[in-house]
C-alpha atoms as a PDB file:
ATOM      1  CA  UNK A   1     153.893  84.566 126.394  1.00  0.00           C
ATOM      2  CA  UNK A   2     151.017  81.385 126.503  1.00  0.00           C
ATOM      3  CA  UNK A   3     147.751  81.871 128.195  1.00  0.00           C
ATOM      4  CA  UNK A   4     145.168  79.065 128.137  1.00  0.00           C
ATOM      5  CA  UNK A   5     141.190  79.517 129.708  1.00  0.00           C
ATOM      6  CA  UNK A   6     139.525  76.048 129.777  1.00  0.00           C
ATOM      7  CA  UNK A   7     137.121  77.134 131.675  1.00  0.00           C
ATOM      8  CA  UNK A   8     134.075  79.934 131.987  1.00  0.00           C
ATOM      9  CA  UNK A   9     133.748  83.316 133.333  1.00  0.00           C
ATOM     10  CA  UNK A  10     137.828  84.260 132.782  1.00  0.00           C
ATOM     11  CA  UNK A  11     138.203  87.746 132.986  1.00  0.00           C
ATOM     12  CA  UNK A  12     140.592  87.989 130.183  1.00  0.00           C
ATOM     13  CA  UNK A  13     140.367  91.895 129.707  1.00  0.00           C
ATOM     14  CA  UNK A  14     141.582  92.440 132.831  1.00  0.00           C
ATOM     15  CA  UNK A  15     144.646  90.087 132.864  1.00  0.00           C
ATOM     16  CA  UNK A  16     145.771  91.210 129.503  1.00  0.00           C
ATOM     17  CA  UNK A  17     145.242  95.172 130.508  1.00  0.00           C
ATOM     18  CA  UNK A  18     146.717  94.951 133.695  1.00  0.00           C
ATOM     19  CA  UNK A  19     148.834  91.714 134.118  1.00  0.00           C
ATOM     20  CA  UNK A  20     150.051  90.416 130.532  1.00  0.00           C
ATOM     21  CA  UNK A  21     149.305  93.599 128.403  1.00  0.00           C
ATOM     22  CA  UNK A  22     151.150  91.685 125.287  1.00  0.00           C
ATOM     23  CA  UNK A  23     150.677  88.396 124.747  1.00  0.00           C
ATOM     24  CA  UNK A  24     151.688  85.614 122.043  1.00  0.00           C
ATOM     25  CA  UNK A  25     148.576  83.426 121.813  1.00  0.00           C
ATOM     26  CA  UNK A  26     145.732  83.226 123.741  1.00  0.00           C
ATOM     27  CA  UNK A  27     143.215  79.845 123.622  1.00  0.00           C
ATOM     28  CA  UNK A  28     140.024  79.789 124.232  1.00  0.00           C
ATOM     29  CA  UNK A  29     138.182  76.112 124.835  1.00  0.00           C
ATOM     30  CA  UNK A  30     134.516  75.440 126.088  1.00  0.00           C
ATOM     31  CA  UNK A  31     132.159  78.277 126.616  1.00  0.00           C
ATOM     32  CA  UNK A  32     132.349  82.283 127.567  1.00  0.00           C
ATOM     33  CA  UNK A  33     134.968  83.786 126.314  1.00  0.00           C
ATOM     34  CA  UNK A  34     135.961  87.732 125.356  1.00  0.00           C
ATOM     35  CA  UNK A  35     139.297  89.643 124.225  1.00  0.00           C
ATOM     36  CA  UNK A  36     139.170  93.030 124.301  1.00  0.00           C
ATOM     37  CA  UNK A  37     141.902  95.125 123.038  1.00  0.00           C
ATOM     38  CA  UNK A  38     144.299  92.520 122.915  1.00  0.00           C
ATOM     39  CA  UNK A  39     147.866  92.530 120.936  1.00  0.00           C
ATOM     40  CA  UNK A  40     147.923  88.968 120.477  1.00  0.00           C
ATOM     41  CA  UNK A  41     149.595  87.045 117.606  1.00  0.00           C
ATOM     42  CA  UNK A  42     146.656  83.911 117.537  1.00  0.00           C
ATOM     43  CA  UNK A  43     143.422  83.400 118.856  1.00  0.00           C
ATOM     44  CA  UNK A  44     141.546  80.247 118.427  1.00  0.00           C
ATOM     45  CA  UNK A  45     137.692  80.002 119.601  1.00  0.00           C
ATOM     46  CA  UNK A  46     136.255  76.672 119.888  1.00  0.00           C
ATOM     47  CA  UNK A  47     132.144  76.429 120.697  1.00  0.00           C
ATOM     48  CA  UNK A  48     129.812  78.817 121.582  1.00  0.00           C
ATOM     49  CA  UNK A  49     129.998  82.617 123.293  1.00  0.00           C
ATOM     50  CA  UNK A  50     132.936  84.494 121.695  1.00  0.00           C
ATOM     51  CA  UNK A  51     133.930  87.670 120.426  1.00  0.00           C
ATOM     52  CA  UNK A  52     136.876  89.499 119.843  1.00  0.00           C
ATOM     53  CA  UNK A  53     136.997  93.541 120.594  1.00  0.00           C
ATOM     54  CA  UNK A  54     139.578  96.046 118.534  1.00  0.00           C
ATOM     55  CA  UNK A  55     141.983  93.233 118.582  1.00  0.00           C
ATOM     56  CA  UNK A  56     145.487  93.592 116.582  1.00  0.00           C
ATOM     57  CA  UNK A  57     145.592  89.404 115.190  1.00  0.00           C
ATOM     58  CA  UNK A  58     147.109  87.721 112.657  1.00  0.00           C
ATOM     59  CA  UNK A  59     144.738  84.926 112.722  1.00  0.00           C
ATOM     60  CA  UNK A  60     141.322  84.767 114.046  1.00  0.00           C
ATOM     61  CA  UNK A  61     139.630  81.281 113.934  1.00  0.00           C
ATOM     62  CA  UNK A  62     135.978  80.784 114.896  1.00  0.00           C
ATOM     63  CA  UNK A  63     134.461  77.622 114.697  1.00  0.00           C
ATOM     64  CA  UNK A  64     130.736  76.533 115.520  1.00  0.00           C
ATOM     65  CA  UNK A  65     128.280  79.127 116.662  1.00  0.00           C
ATOM     66  CA  UNK A  66     128.085  82.958 117.864  1.00  0.00           C
ATOM     67  CA  UNK A  67     131.499  84.318 116.906  1.00  0.00           C
ATOM     68  CA  UNK A  68     131.609  88.108 116.183  1.00  0.00           C
ATOM     69  CA  UNK A  69     134.949  90.314 115.166  1.00  0.00           C
ATOM     70  CA  UNK A  70     134.582  94.317 115.735  1.00  0.00           C
ATOM     71  CA  UNK A  71     137.482  96.670 114.658  1.00  0.00           C
ATOM     72  CA  UNK A  72     139.990  94.108 113.603  1.00  0.00           C
ATOM     73  CA  UNK A  73     143.457  94.526 112.070  1.00  0.00           C
ATOM     74  CA  UNK A  74     143.490  90.825 110.915  1.00  0.00           C
ATOM     75  CA  UNK A  75     144.584  89.026 107.999  1.00  0.00           C
ATOM     76  CA  UNK A  76     142.574  86.101 107.801  1.00  0.00           C
ATOM     77  CA  UNK A  77     139.233  85.560 109.526  1.00  0.00           C
ATOM     78  CA  UNK A  78     137.688  82.144 108.666  1.00  0.00           C
ATOM     79  CA  UNK A  79     134.154  81.632 109.558  1.00  0.00           C
ATOM     80  CA  UNK A  80     132.350  78.280 109.720  1.00  0.00           C
ATOM     81  CA  UNK A  81     128.545  77.337 110.395  1.00  0.00           C
ATOM     82  CA  UNK A  82     126.378  79.935 111.119  1.00  0.00           C
ATOM     83  CA  UNK A  83     126.017  83.385 113.086  1.00  0.00           C
ATOM     84  CA  UNK A  84     129.014  85.496 112.395  1.00  0.00           C
ATOM     85  CA  UNK A  85     129.329  89.552 111.583  1.00  0.00           C
ATOM     86  CA  UNK A  86     132.509  91.218 111.006  1.00  0.00           C
ATOM     87  CA  UNK A  87     132.296  95.170 111.614  1.00  0.00           C
ATOM     88  CA  UNK A  88     134.589  97.877 110.784  1.00  0.00           C
ATOM     89  CA  UNK A  89     137.438  95.136 109.612  1.00  0.00           C
ATOM     90  CA  UNK A  90     140.703  95.856 107.794  1.00  0.00           C
ATOM     91  CA  UNK A  91     141.411  92.269 106.544  1.00  0.00           C
ATOM     92  CA  UNK A  92     142.593  90.652 103.376  1.00  0.00           C
ATOM     93  CA  UNK A  93     140.329  87.590 103.018  1.00  0.00           C
ATOM     94  CA  UNK A  94     136.997  86.639 104.618  1.00  0.00           C
ATOM     95  CA  UNK A  95     135.109  83.448 103.651  1.00  0.00           C
ATOM     96  CA  UNK A  96     131.756  83.185 104.711  1.00  0.00           C
ATOM     97  CA  UNK A  97     130.438  79.432 104.256  1.00  0.00           C
ATOM     98  CA  UNK A  98     126.179  78.667 105.658  1.00  0.00           C
ATOM     99  CA  UNK A  99     123.760  81.401 106.479  1.00  0.00           C
ATOM    100  CA  UNK A 100     124.018  84.455 108.282  1.00  0.00           C
ATOM    101  CA  UNK A 101     127.044  86.682 107.533  1.00  0.00           C
ATOM    102  CA  UNK A 102     127.308  90.676 107.406  1.00  0.00           C
ATOM    103  CA  UNK A 103     130.507  92.943 106.388  1.00  0.00           C
ATOM    104  CA  UNK A 104     129.778  96.381 107.675  1.00  0.00           C
ATOM    105  CA  UNK A 105     132.900  99.322 106.452  1.00  0.00           C
ATOM    106  CA  UNK A 106     135.349  96.536 105.350  1.00  0.00           C
ATOM    107  CA  UNK A 107     138.443  97.013 103.674  1.00  0.00           C
ATOM    108  CA  UNK A 108     138.920  93.533 102.353  1.00  0.00           C
ATOM    109  CA  UNK A 109     140.219  92.386  99.359  1.00  0.00           C
ATOM    110  CA  UNK A 110     138.040  89.513  98.548  1.00  0.00           C
ATOM    111  CA  UNK A 111     134.588  88.824 100.339  1.00  0.00           C
ATOM    112  CA  UNK A 112     132.616  85.815  99.128  1.00  0.00           C
ATOM    113  CA  UNK A 113     129.266  84.810 100.322  1.00  0.00           C
ATOM    114  CA  UNK A 114     127.769  81.443  99.834  1.00  0.00           C
ATOM    115  CA  UNK A 115     124.199  80.662 100.119  1.00  0.00           C
ATOM    116  CA  UNK A 116     121.862  82.871 101.868  1.00  0.00           C
ATOM    117  CA  UNK A 117     121.560  86.238 103.817  1.00  0.00           C
ATOM    118  CA  UNK A 118     124.424  87.961 102.923  1.00  0.00           C
ATOM    119  CA  UNK A 119     124.927  92.190 103.267  1.00  0.00           C
ATOM    120  CA  UNK A 120     128.050  94.420 102.571  1.00  0.00           C
ATOM    121  CA  UNK A 121     127.555  98.089 103.701  1.00  0.00           C
ATOM    122  CA  UNK A 122     130.065 100.789 102.926  1.00  0.00           C
ATOM    123  CA  UNK A 123     132.786  98.418 101.575  1.00  0.00           C
ATOM    124  CA  UNK A 124     136.070  99.145  99.556  1.00  0.00           C
ATOM    125  CA  UNK A 125     136.749  95.940  97.793  1.00  0.00           C
ATOM    126  CA  UNK A 126     137.802  94.594  94.538  1.00  0.00           C
ATOM    127  CA  UNK A 127     135.766  91.224  94.117  1.00  0.00           C
ATOM    128  CA  UNK A 128     132.254  90.610  95.712  1.00  0.00           C
ATOM    129  CA  UNK A 129     130.285  87.558  95.079  1.00  0.00           C
ATOM    130  CA  UNK A 130     127.180  86.816  95.821  1.00  0.00           C
ATOM    131  CA  UNK A 131     125.756  83.379  95.296  1.00  0.00           C
ATOM    132  CA  UNK A 132     121.749  82.133  95.686  1.00  0.00           C
ATOM    133  CA  UNK A 133     119.296  84.641  97.779  1.00  0.00           C
ATOM    134  CA  UNK A 134     119.088  87.861  99.366  1.00  0.00           C
ATOM    135  CA  UNK A 135     122.626  89.943  98.999  1.00  0.00           C
ATOM    136  CA  UNK A 136     122.618  93.814  98.852  1.00  0.00           C
ATOM    137  CA  UNK A 137     125.679  95.929  98.586  1.00  0.00           C
ATOM    138  CA  UNK A 138     125.272  99.476 100.143  1.00  0.00           C
ATOM    139  CA  UNK A 139     127.635 102.678  99.586  1.00  0.00           C
ATOM    140  CA  UNK A 140     130.357 100.269  97.742  1.00  0.00           C
ATOM    141  CA  UNK A 141     133.370 101.261  95.712  1.00  0.00           C
ATOM    142  CA  UNK A 142     134.121  98.037  94.304  1.00  0.00           C
ATOM    143  CA  UNK A 143     135.412  96.401  90.962  1.00  0.00           C
ATOM    144  CA  UNK A 144     133.487  94.168  90.194  1.00  0.00           C
ATOM    145  CA  UNK A 145     130.065  93.009  91.945  1.00  0.00           C
ATOM    146  CA  UNK A 146     128.520  89.856  90.942  1.00  0.00           C
ATOM    147  CA  UNK A 147     124.772  88.635  91.553  1.00  0.00           C
ATOM    148  CA  UNK A 148     123.694  85.213  90.972  1.00  0.00           C
ATOM    149  CA  UNK A 149     119.962  84.230  91.428  1.00  0.00           C
ATOM    150  CA  UNK A 150     117.109  86.012  93.348  1.00  0.00           C
ATOM    151  CA  UNK A 151     116.987  89.580  95.581  1.00  0.00           C
ATOM    152  CA  UNK A 152     120.086  91.424  94.936  1.00  0.00           C
ATOM    153  CA  UNK A 153     120.331  95.204  95.190  1.00  0.00           C
ATOM    154  CA  UNK A 154     123.295  97.932  94.956  1.00  0.00           C
ATOM    155  CA  UNK A 155     122.543 100.996  96.520  1.00  0.00           C
ATOM    156  CA  UNK A 156     125.033 104.824  95.898  1.00  0.00           C
ATOM    157  CA  UNK A 157     127.634 102.850  93.860  1.00  0.00           C
END
């Protein structure tokens, strides 16, 4: 199945749970989109105000501002620009570019943070790299933690 939402205020939660249940692709263009408990193959978010909660997708792409992923079992999550967060995620790769990124309770292989304002809490990762300022790692079971520049702390390692 294929679902396209091009306008605002579409109640996809009701559509997925009561009509479609399992879809192959959900495409969201413009503002005000959310996906709750969705088992889709691909979810694309363009522009502002997107969120994905409890989703088992293969790929989630976030472009521009205001994206969040909560309790997601995805293969790849890419965040470009500002305001991204990933909470309780079992992903293979998480890449953060620009400012304002955080990863909480994540079982990932690699987490890369570039620029300012990154934190990792309760993470079981192989490698965590921090470049530039303002990084912290709390209660982490990692193989390698690299801190470059100022303001880094590791607690309960």
